[in-house]
Amino acid sequence: ERKRLEEEISFLKSYIDRGDSVVP
């Protein structure tokens, strides 16, 4: 579970860092 959560956090941050917020 920790691995899955850490991967999702990394995934989300990669999009937020480039300026994405609400994504279709």
mmCIF file of all heavy atoms, coordinates in Angstrom:
data_MODEL
# 
_entry.id   MODEL 
# 
loop_
_atom_site.group_PDB 
_atom_site.id 
_atom_site.type_symbol 
_atom_site.label_atom_id 
_atom_site.label_alt_id 
_atom_site.label_comp_id 
_atom_site.label_asym_id 
_atom_site.label_entity_id 
_atom_site.label_seq_id 
_atom_site.pdbx_PDB_ins_code 
_atom_site.Cartn_x 
_atom_site.Cartn_y 
_atom_site.Cartn_z 
_atom_site.occupancy 
_atom_site.B_iso_or_equiv 
_atom_site.pdbx_formal_charge 
_atom_site.auth_seq_id 
_atom_site.auth_comp_id 
_atom_site.auth_asym_id 
_atom_site.auth_atom_id 
_atom_site.pdbx_PDB_model_num 
ATOM 1   N N   . GLU A 1 1  ? 0.831   -1.195 0.000   1.00 0.00 ? 1  GLU A N   1 
ATOM 2   C CA  . GLU A 1 1  ? 0.000   0.000  0.000   1.00 0.00 ? 1  GLU A CA  1 
ATOM 3   C C   . GLU A 1 1  ? 0.873   1.255  0.000   1.00 0.00 ? 1  GLU A C   1 
ATOM 4   O O   . GLU A 1 1  ? 0.602   2.219  -0.732  1.00 0.00 ? 1  GLU A O   1 
ATOM 5   C CB  . GLU A 1 1  ? -0.922  0.017  1.215   1.00 0.00 ? 1  GLU A CB  1 
ATOM 6   C CG  . GLU A 1 1  ? -1.861  1.234  1.218   1.00 0.00 ? 1  GLU A CG  1 
ATOM 7   C CD  . GLU A 1 1  ? -2.634  1.387  2.508   1.00 0.00 ? 1  GLU A CD  1 
ATOM 8   O OE1 . GLU A 1 1  ? -2.052  1.148  3.586   1.00 0.00 ? 1  GLU A OE1 1 
ATOM 9   O OE2 . GLU A 1 1  ? -3.814  1.770  2.452   1.00 0.00 ? 1  GLU A OE2 1 
ATOM 10  N N   . ARG A 1 2  ? 1.936   1.243  0.799   1.00 0.00 ? 2  ARG A N   1 
ATOM 11  C CA  . ARG A 1 2  ? 2.828   2.394  0.874   1.00 0.00 ? 2  ARG A CA  1 
ATOM 12  C C   . ARG A 1 2  ? 3.474   2.665  -0.485  1.00 0.00 ? 2  ARG A C   1 
ATOM 13  O O   . ARG A 1 2  ? 3.559   3.817  -0.940  1.00 0.00 ? 2  ARG A O   1 
ATOM 14  C CB  . ARG A 1 2  ? 3.916   2.154  1.918   1.00 0.00 ? 2  ARG A CB  1 
ATOM 15  C CG  . ARG A 1 2  ? 4.787   3.402  2.189   1.00 0.00 ? 2  ARG A CG  1 
ATOM 16  C CD  . ARG A 1 2  ? 5.923   3.069  3.138   1.00 0.00 ? 2  ARG A CD  1 
ATOM 17  N NE  . ARG A 1 2  ? 5.430   2.297  4.279   1.00 0.00 ? 2  ARG A NE  1 
ATOM 18  C CZ  . ARG A 1 2  ? 6.202   1.554  5.060   1.00 0.00 ? 2  ARG A CZ  1 
ATOM 19  N NH1 . ARG A 1 2  ? 7.495   1.470  4.825   1.00 0.00 ? 2  ARG A NH1 1 
ATOM 20  N NH2 . ARG A 1 2  ? 5.693   0.886  6.081   1.00 0.00 ? 2  ARG A NH2 1 
ATOM 21  N N   . LYS A 1 3  ? 3.907   1.597  -1.120  1.00 0.00 ? 3  LYS A N   1 
ATOM 22  C CA  . LYS A 1 3  ? 4.523   1.748  -2.446  1.00 0.00 ? 3  LYS A CA  1 
ATOM 23  C C   . LYS A 1 3  ? 3.545   2.362  -3.446  1.00 0.00 ? 3  LYS A C   1 
ATOM 24  O O   . LYS A 1 3  ? 3.897   3.272  -4.207  1.00 0.00 ? 3  LYS A O   1 
ATOM 25  C CB  . LYS A 1 3  ? 5.003   0.386  -2.951  1.00 0.00 ? 3  LYS A CB  1 
ATOM 26  C CG  . LYS A 1 3  ? 5.736   0.452  -4.283  1.00 0.00 ? 3  LYS A CG  1 
ATOM 27  C CD  . LYS A 1 3  ? 6.143   -0.927 -4.768  1.00 0.00 ? 3  LYS A CD  1 
ATOM 28  C CE  . LYS A 1 3  ? 6.826   -0.845 -6.127  1.00 0.00 ? 3  LYS A CE  1 
ATOM 29  N NZ  . LYS A 1 3  ? 7.160   -2.181 -6.681  1.00 0.00 ? 3  LYS A NZ  1 
ATOM 30  N N   . ARG A 1 4  ? 2.295   1.864  -3.420  1.00 0.00 ? 4  ARG A N   1 
ATOM 31  C CA  . ARG A 1 4  ? 1.269   2.387  -4.337  1.00 0.00 ? 4  ARG A CA  1 
ATOM 32  C C   . ARG A 1 4  ? 1.001   3.871  -4.058  1.00 0.00 ? 4  ARG A C   1 
ATOM 33  O O   . ARG A 1 4  ? 0.905   4.674  -4.989  1.00 0.00 ? 4  ARG A O   1 
ATOM 34  C CB  . ARG A 1 4  ? -0.021  1.577  -4.182  1.00 0.00 ? 4  ARG A CB  1 
ATOM 35  C CG  . ARG A 1 4  ? -1.184  2.091  -5.032  1.00 0.00 ? 4  ARG A CG  1 
ATOM 36  C CD  . ARG A 1 4  ? -2.443  1.281  -4.813  1.00 0.00 ? 4  ARG A CD  1 
ATOM 37  N NE  . ARG A 1 4  ? -2.897  1.298  -3.430  1.00 0.00 ? 4  ARG A NE  1 
ATOM 38  C CZ  . ARG A 1 4  ? -3.554  2.336  -2.889  1.00 0.00 ? 4  ARG A CZ  1 
ATOM 39  N NH1 . ARG A 1 4  ? -3.798  3.434  -3.594  1.00 0.00 ? 4  ARG A NH1 1 
ATOM 40  N NH2 . ARG A 1 4  ? -3.962  2.270  -1.632  1.00 0.00 ? 4  ARG A NH2 1 
ATOM 41  N N   . LEU A 1 5  ? 0.887   4.233  -2.781  1.00 0.00 ? 5  LEU A N   1 
ATOM 42  C CA  . LEU A 1 5  ? 0.610   5.616  -2.410  1.00 0.00 ? 5  LEU A CA  1 
ATOM 43  C C   . LEU A 1 5  ? 1.773   6.539  -2.790  1.00 0.00 ? 5  LEU A C   1 
ATOM 44  O O   . LEU A 1 5  ? 1.557   7.645  -3.301  1.00 0.00 ? 5  LEU A O   1 
ATOM 45  C CB  . LEU A 1 5  ? 0.328   5.709  -0.910  1.00 0.00 ? 5  LEU A CB  1 
ATOM 46  C CG  . LEU A 1 5  ? -0.960  5.030  -0.430  1.00 0.00 ? 5  LEU A CG  1 
ATOM 47  C CD1 . LEU A 1 5  ? -1.003  4.985  1.097   1.00 0.00 ? 5  LEU A CD1 1 
ATOM 48  C CD2 . LEU A 1 5  ? -2.200  5.719  -0.984  1.00 0.00 ? 5  LEU A CD2 1 
ATOM 49  N N   . GLU A 1 6  ? 2.980   6.082  -2.560  1.00 0.00 ? 6  GLU A N   1 
ATOM 50  C CA  . GLU A 1 6  ? 4.161   6.895  -2.903  1.00 0.00 ? 6  GLU A CA  1 
ATOM 51  C C   . GLU A 1 6  ? 4.259   7.100  -4.413  1.00 0.00 ? 6  GLU A C   1 
ATOM 52  O O   . GLU A 1 6  ? 4.620   8.192  -4.881  1.00 0.00 ? 6  GLU A O   1 
ATOM 53  C CB  . GLU A 1 6  ? 5.427   6.232  -2.367  1.00 0.00 ? 6  GLU A CB  1 
ATOM 54  C CG  . GLU A 1 6  ? 5.559   6.333  -0.855  1.00 0.00 ? 6  GLU A CG  1 
ATOM 55  C CD  . GLU A 1 6  ? 6.721   5.529  -0.292  1.00 0.00 ? 6  GLU A CD  1 
ATOM 56  O OE1 . GLU A 1 6  ? 7.238   4.633  -1.015  1.00 0.00 ? 6  GLU A OE1 1 
ATOM 57  O OE2 . GLU A 1 6  ? 7.104   5.775  0.872   1.00 0.00 ? 6  GLU A OE2 1 
ATOM 58  N N   . GLU A 1 7  ? 3.922   6.059  -5.177  1.00 0.00 ? 7  GLU A N   1 
ATOM 59  C CA  . GLU A 1 7  ? 3.948   6.175  -6.641  1.00 0.00 ? 7  GLU A CA  1 
ATOM 60  C C   . GLU A 1 7  ? 2.899   7.169  -7.120  1.00 0.00 ? 7  GLU A C   1 
ATOM 61  O O   . GLU A 1 7  ? 3.143   7.969  -8.031  1.00 0.00 ? 7  GLU A O   1 
ATOM 62  C CB  . GLU A 1 7  ? 3.721   4.802  -7.277  1.00 0.00 ? 7  GLU A CB  1 
ATOM 63  C CG  . GLU A 1 7  ? 4.922   3.883  -7.189  1.00 0.00 ? 7  GLU A CG  1 
ATOM 64  C CD  . GLU A 1 7  ? 4.634   2.492  -7.729  1.00 0.00 ? 7  GLU A CD  1 
ATOM 65  O OE1 . GLU A 1 7  ? 3.448   2.196  -8.027  1.00 0.00 ? 7  GLU A OE1 1 
ATOM 66  O OE2 . GLU A 1 7  ? 5.592   1.690  -7.844  1.00 0.00 ? 7  GLU A OE2 1 
ATOM 67  N N   . GLU A 1 8  ? 1.699   7.111  -6.494  1.00 0.00 ? 8  GLU A N   1 
ATOM 68  C CA  . GLU A 1 8  ? 0.652   8.047  -6.903  1.00 0.00 ? 8  GLU A CA  1 
ATOM 69  C C   . GLU A 1 8  ? 1.008   9.483  -6.533  1.00 0.00 ? 8  GLU A C   1 
ATOM 70  O O   . GLU A 1 8  ? 0.758   10.411 -7.308  1.00 0.00 ? 8  GLU A O   1 
ATOM 71  C CB  . GLU A 1 8  ? -0.701  7.669  -6.290  1.00 0.00 ? 8  GLU A CB  1 
ATOM 72  C CG  . GLU A 1 8  ? -1.839  8.530  -6.837  1.00 0.00 ? 8  GLU A CG  1 
ATOM 73  C CD  . GLU A 1 8  ? -3.226  8.113  -6.365  1.00 0.00 ? 8  GLU A CD  1 
ATOM 74  O OE1 . GLU A 1 8  ? -3.339  7.140  -5.590  1.00 0.00 ? 8  GLU A OE1 1 
ATOM 75  O OE2 . GLU A 1 8  ? -4.202  8.774  -6.772  1.00 0.00 ? 8  GLU A OE2 1 
ATOM 76  N N   . ILE A 1 9  ? 1.608   9.678  -5.360  1.00 0.00 ? 9  ILE A N   1 
ATOM 77  C CA  . ILE A 1 9  ? 2.043   11.018 -4.950  1.00 0.00 ? 9  ILE A CA  1 
ATOM 78  C C   . ILE A 1 9  ? 3.053   11.580 -5.950  1.00 0.00 ? 9  ILE A C   1 
ATOM 79  O O   . ILE A 1 9  ? 2.961   12.734 -6.379  1.00 0.00 ? 9  ILE A O   1 
ATOM 80  C CB  . ILE A 1 9  ? 2.630   10.978 -3.525  1.00 0.00 ? 9  ILE A CB  1 
ATOM 81  C CG1 . ILE A 1 9  ? 1.500   10.791 -2.503  1.00 0.00 ? 9  ILE A CG1 1 
ATOM 82  C CG2 . ILE A 1 9  ? 3.414   12.267 -3.219  1.00 0.00 ? 9  ILE A CG2 1 
ATOM 83  C CD1 . ILE A 1 9  ? 1.984   10.497 -1.087  1.00 0.00 ? 9  ILE A CD1 1 
ATOM 84  N N   . SER A 1 10 ? 4.001   10.747 -6.324  1.00 0.00 ? 10 SER A N   1 
ATOM 85  C CA  . SER A 1 10 ? 5.013   11.161 -7.303  1.00 0.00 ? 10 SER A CA  1 
ATOM 86  C C   . SER A 1 10 ? 4.358   11.515 -8.637  1.00 0.00 ? 10 SER A C   1 
ATOM 87  O O   . SER A 1 10 ? 4.716   12.520 -9.276  1.00 0.00 ? 10 SER A O   1 
ATOM 88  C CB  . SER A 1 10 ? 6.035   10.039 -7.489  1.00 0.00 ? 10 SER A CB  1 
ATOM 89  O OG  . SER A 1 10 ? 6.973   10.378 -8.486  1.00 0.00 ? 10 SER A OG  1 
ATOM 90  N N   . PHE A 1 11 ? 3.402   10.695 -9.058  1.00 0.00 ? 11 PHE A N   1 
ATOM 91  C CA  . PHE A 1 11 ? 2.685   10.913 -10.314 1.00 0.00 ? 11 PHE A CA  1 
ATOM 92  C C   . PHE A 1 11 ? 1.932   12.248 -10.271 1.00 0.00 ? 11 PHE A C   1 
ATOM 93  O O   . PHE A 1 11 ? 2.026   13.065 -11.201 1.00 0.00 ? 11 PHE A O   1 
ATOM 94  C CB  . PHE A 1 11 ? 1.717   9.750  -10.556 1.00 0.00 ? 11 PHE A CB  1 
ATOM 95  C CG  . PHE A 1 11 ? 0.805   9.928  -11.733 1.00 0.00 ? 11 PHE A CG  1 
ATOM 96  C CD1 . PHE A 1 11 ? 1.241   9.654  -13.018 1.00 0.00 ? 11 PHE A CD1 1 
ATOM 97  C CD2 . PHE A 1 11 ? -0.504  10.362 -11.557 1.00 0.00 ? 11 PHE A CD2 1 
ATOM 98  C CE1 . PHE A 1 11 ? 0.400   9.819  -14.113 1.00 0.00 ? 11 PHE A CE1 1 
ATOM 99  C CE2 . PHE A 1 11 ? -1.354  10.527 -12.640 1.00 0.00 ? 11 PHE A CE2 1 
ATOM 100 C CZ  . PHE A 1 11 ? -0.904  10.260 -13.923 1.00 0.00 ? 11 PHE A CZ  1 
ATOM 101 N N   . LEU A 1 12 ? 1.178   12.481 -9.207  1.00 0.00 ? 12 LEU A N   1 
ATOM 102 C CA  . LEU A 1 12 ? 0.379   13.708 -9.082  1.00 0.00 ? 12 LEU A CA  1 
ATOM 103 C C   . LEU A 1 12 ? 1.265   14.946 -9.030  1.00 0.00 ? 12 LEU A C   1 
ATOM 104 O O   . LEU A 1 12 ? 0.982   15.964 -9.681  1.00 0.00 ? 12 LEU A O   1 
ATOM 105 C CB  . LEU A 1 12 ? -0.496  13.636 -7.836  1.00 0.00 ? 12 LEU A CB  1 
ATOM 106 C CG  . LEU A 1 12 ? -1.623  12.588 -7.863  1.00 0.00 ? 12 LEU A CG  1 
ATOM 107 C CD1 . LEU A 1 12 ? -2.218  12.397 -6.471  1.00 0.00 ? 12 LEU A CD1 1 
ATOM 108 C CD2 . LEU A 1 12 ? -2.714  12.979 -8.857  1.00 0.00 ? 12 LEU A CD2 1 
ATOM 109 N N   . LYS A 1 13 ? 2.363   14.868 -8.277  1.00 0.00 ? 13 LYS A N   1 
ATOM 110 C CA  . LYS A 1 13 ? 3.263   16.020 -8.160  1.00 0.00 ? 13 LYS A CA  1 
ATOM 111 C C   . LYS A 1 13 ? 3.898   16.385 -9.492  1.00 0.00 ? 13 LYS A C   1 
ATOM 112 O O   . LYS A 1 13 ? 4.133   17.566 -9.782  1.00 0.00 ? 13 LYS A O   1 
ATOM 113 C CB  . LYS A 1 13 ? 4.351   15.725 -7.127  1.00 0.00 ? 13 LYS A CB  1 
ATOM 114 C CG  . LYS A 1 13 ? 3.879   15.863 -5.687  1.00 0.00 ? 13 LYS A CG  1 
ATOM 115 C CD  . LYS A 1 13 ? 5.029   15.621 -4.710  1.00 0.00 ? 13 LYS A CD  1 
ATOM 116 C CE  . LYS A 1 13 ? 4.585   15.875 -3.274  1.00 0.00 ? 13 LYS A CE  1 
ATOM 117 N NZ  . LYS A 1 13 ? 5.680   15.625 -2.300  1.00 0.00 ? 13 LYS A NZ  1 
ATOM 118 N N   . SER A 1 14 ? 4.158   15.372 -10.323 1.00 0.00 ? 14 SER A N   1 
ATOM 119 C CA  . SER A 1 14 ? 4.783   15.652 -11.624 1.00 0.00 ? 14 SER A CA  1 
ATOM 120 C C   . SER A 1 14 ? 3.878   16.519 -12.496 1.00 0.00 ? 14 SER A C   1 
ATOM 121 O O   . SER A 1 14 ? 4.355   17.354 -13.269 1.00 0.00 ? 14 SER A O   1 
ATOM 122 C CB  . SER A 1 14 ? 5.129   14.341 -12.343 1.00 0.00 ? 14 SER A CB  1 
ATOM 123 O OG  . SER A 1 14 ? 3.966   13.658 -12.759 1.00 0.00 ? 14 SER A OG  1 
ATOM 124 N N   . TYR A 1 15 ? 2.563   16.333 -12.385 1.00 0.00 ? 15 TYR A N   1 
ATOM 125 C CA  . TYR A 1 15 ? 1.612   17.137 -13.158 1.00 0.00 ? 15 TYR A CA  1 
ATOM 126 C C   . TYR A 1 15 ? 1.369   18.485 -12.494 1.00 0.00 ? 15 TYR A C   1 
ATOM 127 O O   . TYR A 1 15 ? 1.248   19.511 -13.175 1.00 0.00 ? 15 TYR A O   1 
ATOM 128 C CB  . TYR A 1 15 ? 0.292   16.378 -13.343 1.00 0.00 ? 15 TYR A CB  1 
ATOM 129 C CG  . TYR A 1 15 ? 0.391   15.306 -14.405 1.00 0.00 ? 15 TYR A CG  1 
ATOM 130 C CD1 . TYR A 1 15 ? 0.815   14.019 -14.082 1.00 0.00 ? 15 TYR A CD1 1 
ATOM 131 C CD2 . TYR A 1 15 ? 0.097   15.581 -15.732 1.00 0.00 ? 15 TYR A CD2 1 
ATOM 132 C CE1 . TYR A 1 15 ? 0.942   13.035 -15.055 1.00 0.00 ? 15 TYR A CE1 1 
ATOM 133 C CE2 . TYR A 1 15 ? 0.215   14.605 -16.718 1.00 0.00 ? 15 TYR A CE2 1 
ATOM 134 C CZ  . TYR A 1 15 ? 0.638   13.340 -16.367 1.00 0.00 ? 15 TYR A CZ  1 
ATOM 135 O OH  . TYR A 1 15 ? 0.766   12.380 -17.345 1.00 0.00 ? 15 TYR A OH  1 
ATOM 136 N N   . ILE A 1 16 ? 1.284   18.499 -11.174 1.00 0.00 ? 16 ILE A N   1 
ATOM 137 C CA  . ILE A 1 16 ? 1.080   19.761 -10.452 1.00 0.00 ? 16 ILE A CA  1 
ATOM 138 C C   . ILE A 1 16 ? 2.269   20.686 -10.663 1.00 0.00 ? 16 ILE A C   1 
ATOM 139 O O   . ILE A 1 16 ? 2.102   21.905 -10.859 1.00 0.00 ? 16 ILE A O   1 
ATOM 140 C CB  . ILE A 1 16 ? 0.847   19.486 -8.947  1.00 0.00 ? 16 ILE A CB  1 
ATOM 141 C CG1 . ILE A 1 16 ? -0.497  18.766 -8.743  1.00 0.00 ? 16 ILE A CG1 1 
ATOM 142 C CG2 . ILE A 1 16 ? 0.871   20.792 -8.155  1.00 0.00 ? 16 ILE A CG2 1 
ATOM 143 C CD1 . ILE A 1 16 ? -0.717  18.251 -7.330  1.00 0.00 ? 16 ILE A CD1 1 
ATOM 144 N N   . ASP A 1 17 ? 3.470   20.134 -10.672 1.00 0.00 ? 17 ASP A N   1 
ATOM 145 C CA  . ASP A 1 17 ? 4.692   20.932 -10.841 1.00 0.00 ? 17 ASP A CA  1 
ATOM 146 C C   . ASP A 1 17 ? 4.748   21.623 -12.202 1.00 0.00 ? 17 ASP A C   1 
ATOM 147 O O   . ASP A 1 17 ? 5.419   22.655 -12.352 1.00 0.00 ? 17 ASP A O   1 
ATOM 148 C CB  . ASP A 1 17 ? 5.941   20.062 -10.657 1.00 0.00 ? 17 ASP A CB  1 
ATOM 149 C CG  . ASP A 1 17 ? 6.161   19.665 -9.202  1.00 0.00 ? 17 ASP A CG  1 
ATOM 150 O OD1 . ASP A 1 17 ? 5.508   20.269 -8.327  1.00 0.00 ? 17 ASP A OD1 1 
ATOM 151 O OD2 . ASP A 1 17 ? 6.957   18.733 -8.950  1.00 0.00 ? 17 ASP A OD2 1 
ATOM 152 N N   . ARG A 1 18 ? 4.075   21.047 -13.175 1.00 0.00 ? 18 ARG A N   1 
ATOM 153 C CA  . ARG A 1 18 ? 4.095   21.691 -14.502 1.00 0.00 ? 18 ARG A CA  1 
ATOM 154 C C   . ARG A 1 18 ? 2.886   22.619 -14.699 1.00 0.00 ? 18 ARG A C   1 
ATOM 155 O O   . ARG A 1 18 ? 2.660   23.124 -15.792 1.00 0.00 ? 18 ARG A O   1 
ATOM 156 C CB  . ARG A 1 18 ? 4.161   20.646 -15.612 1.00 0.00 ? 18 ARG A CB  1 
ATOM 157 C CG  . ARG A 1 18 ? 2.906   19.862 -15.849 1.00 0.00 ? 18 ARG A CG  1 
ATOM 158 C CD  . ARG A 1 18 ? 3.111   18.818 -16.951 1.00 0.00 ? 18 ARG A CD  1 
ATOM 159 N NE  . ARG A 1 18 ? 1.852   18.288 -17.441 1.00 0.00 ? 18 ARG A NE  1 
ATOM 160 C CZ  . ARG A 1 18 ? 1.763   17.276 -18.295 1.00 0.00 ? 18 ARG A CZ  1 
ATOM 161 N NH1 . ARG A 1 18 ? 2.865   16.669 -18.717 1.00 0.00 ? 18 ARG A NH1 1 
ATOM 162 N NH2 . ARG A 1 18 ? 0.572   16.858 -18.714 1.00 0.00 ? 18 ARG A NH2 1 
ATOM 163 N N   . GLY A 1 19 ? 2.117   22.805 -13.624 1.00 0.00 ? 19 GLY A N   1 
ATOM 164 C CA  . GLY A 1 19 ? 1.032   23.785 -13.670 1.00 0.00 ? 19 GLY A CA  1 
ATOM 165 C C   . GLY A 1 19 ? -0.368  23.230 -13.817 1.00 0.00 ? 19 GLY A C   1 
ATOM 166 O O   . GLY A 1 19 ? -1.338  23.986 -13.885 1.00 0.00 ? 19 GLY A O   1 
ATOM 167 N N   . ASP A 1 20 ? -0.519  21.912 -13.874 1.00 0.00 ? 20 ASP A N   1 
ATOM 168 C CA  . ASP A 1 20 ? -1.853  21.317 -14.001 1.00 0.00 ? 20 ASP A CA  1 
ATOM 169 C C   . ASP A 1 20 ? -2.578  21.348 -12.659 1.00 0.00 ? 20 ASP A C   1 
ATOM 170 O O   . ASP A 1 20 ? -1.968  21.206 -11.601 1.00 0.00 ? 20 ASP A O   1 
ATOM 171 C CB  . ASP A 1 20 ? -1.756  19.869 -14.483 1.00 0.00 ? 20 ASP A CB  1 
ATOM 172 C CG  . ASP A 1 20 ? -1.310  19.784 -15.931 1.00 0.00 ? 20 ASP A CG  1 
ATOM 173 O OD1 . ASP A 1 20 ? -1.576  20.740 -16.684 1.00 0.00 ? 20 ASP A OD1 1 
ATOM 174 O OD2 . ASP A 1 20 ? -0.681  18.783 -16.306 1.00 0.00 ? 20 ASP A OD2 1 
ATOM 175 N N   . SER A 1 21 ? -3.895  21.511 -12.716 1.00 0.00 ? 21 SER A N   1 
ATOM 176 C CA  . SER A 1 21 ? -4.693  21.528 -11.486 1.00 0.00 ? 21 SER A CA  1 
ATOM 177 C C   . SER A 1 21 ? -5.882  20.580 -11.620 1.00 0.00 ? 21 SER A C   1 
ATOM 178 O O   . SER A 1 21 ? -5.855  19.472 -11.096 1.00 0.00 ? 21 SER A O   1 
ATOM 179 C CB  . SER A 1 21 ? -5.168  22.945 -11.182 1.00 0.00 ? 21 SER A CB  1 
ATOM 180 O OG  . SER A 1 21 ? -5.944  22.969 -9.998  1.00 0.00 ? 21 SER A OG  1 
ATOM 181 N N   . VAL A 1 22 ? -6.913  21.002 -12.338 1.00 0.00 ? 22 VAL A N   1 
ATOM 182 C CA  . VAL A 1 22 ? -8.066  20.135 -12.599 1.00 0.00 ? 22 VAL A CA  1 
ATOM 183 C C   . VAL A 1 22 ? -7.921  19.586 -14.014 1.00 0.00 ? 22 VAL A C   1 
ATOM 184 O O   . VAL A 1 22 ? -7.931  20.345 -14.986 1.00 0.00 ? 22 VAL A O   1 
ATOM 185 C CB  . VAL A 1 22 ? -9.399  20.892 -12.439 1.00 0.00 ? 22 VAL A CB  1 
ATOM 186 C CG1 . VAL A 1 22 ? -10.577 19.969 -12.745 1.00 0.00 ? 22 VAL A CG1 1 
ATOM 187 C CG2 . VAL A 1 22 ? -9.520  21.460 -11.022 1.00 0.00 ? 22 VAL A CG2 1 
ATOM 188 N N   . VAL A 1 23 ? -7.789  18.276 -14.141 1.00 0.00 ? 23 VAL A N   1 
ATOM 189 C CA  . VAL A 1 23 ? -7.450  17.650 -15.427 1.00 0.00 ? 23 VAL A CA  1 
ATOM 190 C C   . VAL A 1 23 ? -8.635  16.853 -15.976 1.00 0.00 ? 23 VAL A C   1 
ATOM 191 O O   . VAL A 1 23 ? -9.235  16.049 -15.253 1.00 0.00 ? 23 VAL A O   1 
ATOM 192 C CB  . VAL A 1 23 ? -6.240  16.702 -15.254 1.00 0.00 ? 23 VAL A CB  1 
ATOM 193 C CG1 . VAL A 1 23 ? -5.877  16.031 -16.564 1.00 0.00 ? 23 VAL A CG1 1 
ATOM 194 C CG2 . VAL A 1 23 ? -5.044  17.474 -14.720 1.00 0.00 ? 23 VAL A CG2 1 
ATOM 195 N N   . PRO A 1 24 ? -9.000  17.060 -17.268 1.00 0.00 ? 24 PRO A N   1 
ATOM 196 C CA  . PRO A 1 24 ? -10.037 16.217 -17.886 1.00 0.00 ? 24 PRO A CA  1 
ATOM 197 C C   . PRO A 1 24 ? -9.489  14.822 -18.154 1.00 0.00 ? 24 PRO A C   1 
ATOM 198 O O   . PRO A 1 24 ? -8.397  14.676 -18.709 1.00 0.00 ? 24 PRO A O   1 
ATOM 199 C CB  . PRO A 1 24 ? -10.367 16.953 -19.193 1.00 0.00 ? 24 PRO A CB  1 
ATOM 200 C CG  . PRO A 1 24 ? -9.142  17.744 -19.508 1.00 0.00 ? 24 PRO A CG  1 
ATOM 201 C CD  . PRO A 1 24 ? -8.501  18.089 -18.197 1.00 0.00 ? 24 PRO A CD  1 
# 
